[in-house]
Amino acid sequence: MPVNLPLTRRGFLRLSAALAAILGWPGGGPAGNGLRERKIPSTGERIPVVGLGSARTFDVGNAEAERAPLREVMRRFIAEGGRLIDTSPMYGTAETVIGDILARVDHPEMFYATKVWTEGRQAGVRQMETSTERLRTDPIDLMQVHNLVDWDTHLDTLERWKAEGRIRYIGITHYVASAFDDLERIMRERDLDWVQLPYNLAQRGAADRLLPLAADRGIAVLVNVPFGNGALFSQVKGRDLPGWAAEFGARTWAQFFLKFILARPEVTCVIPATGDPEHVVDNVRAGKGALPSPEQARRMARLWDDL
């Protein structure tokens, strides 16, 4: 990581992250607010383990009734120690809404992750320039090729942009297990900082292939659809949380589901999406306190399989 940046607030935070890596501060430990952080392998920069997704939830109009709850979501997310927010041009107005809200909410240095989702080099460049304007941040922290659309073309552009300082990290994404073969091939062939993929109690295929590969290749992992688009909650509706969940601090099913994901040390950050202020607090608190041991995680999987 270069350290000859002007000592702006952003530059100071990057320098601090680099010093943390050099000094060997432990990964996976809590920050001052109790929210765990893990290192981005390619730089050692530390990121809170629970972020905020924005698919569907932040795709709203200009009406105060629509935006006020999202401002409160963002305020509580930040108050609980959250920093990473993930979005995409695919998510309607989400980028604009996030940029507008963060312009009005007092916040620390955020980690902005968005995506390029189009065909062709020039179309990709235009889209990424628009994302920068909508989010009101420059550089963007993480730019990802969304669902691998024209990934080869866009990764070439992203590598140039990273070298020019227009983005800080590059990655690829998908949300279905049927794309794992392609994700694996690209992770082996290209120089990536991040991969975003699905992993949850009902969809555990990434554990055998992609998570170990990410660790081997030094690629940070963002986990999407942690609740299976709500299907996990439907499966446990009316069921009490098992008493032994208290052993690792899970007080709700949401925390149970998220702690299962975070039990894998290869997972850098999980990004549940919500437009509910109460839910965002519940989600972020899954990243505080104990996490399941490997044996406890296996017990969680057995419980799920027996439902």
Foldseek 3Di string as FASTA:
>chain_A
DDQPDPPDLVSVLLVVQQVCVVVVPDAQAADPLQFGWGALQVRSGIFGAAEAEAAPQQQDDDDCVNLVLQLLQVQLCQVSPYAEYEEEVVRHCNLLSQLVSPVVHDHHHHQYEYEFEDDDQVSSVVRCVVSCVSNVDFQHAEYEHEQCHNVVNVVVVVVVCCVVRSYPFYEYEDEDPVCVVVRQVCLVVDQGREYEYADWLVDHVCVVPPLVSCVVNSHEYEHEPLCVVVVVCVVQVPHDDDPCVVVFPQPDVLLVTSLLVVLRVSHRHYHYYDSHNVVSNNNSCSSGGGGDHPVVSVVSSVVVVVD
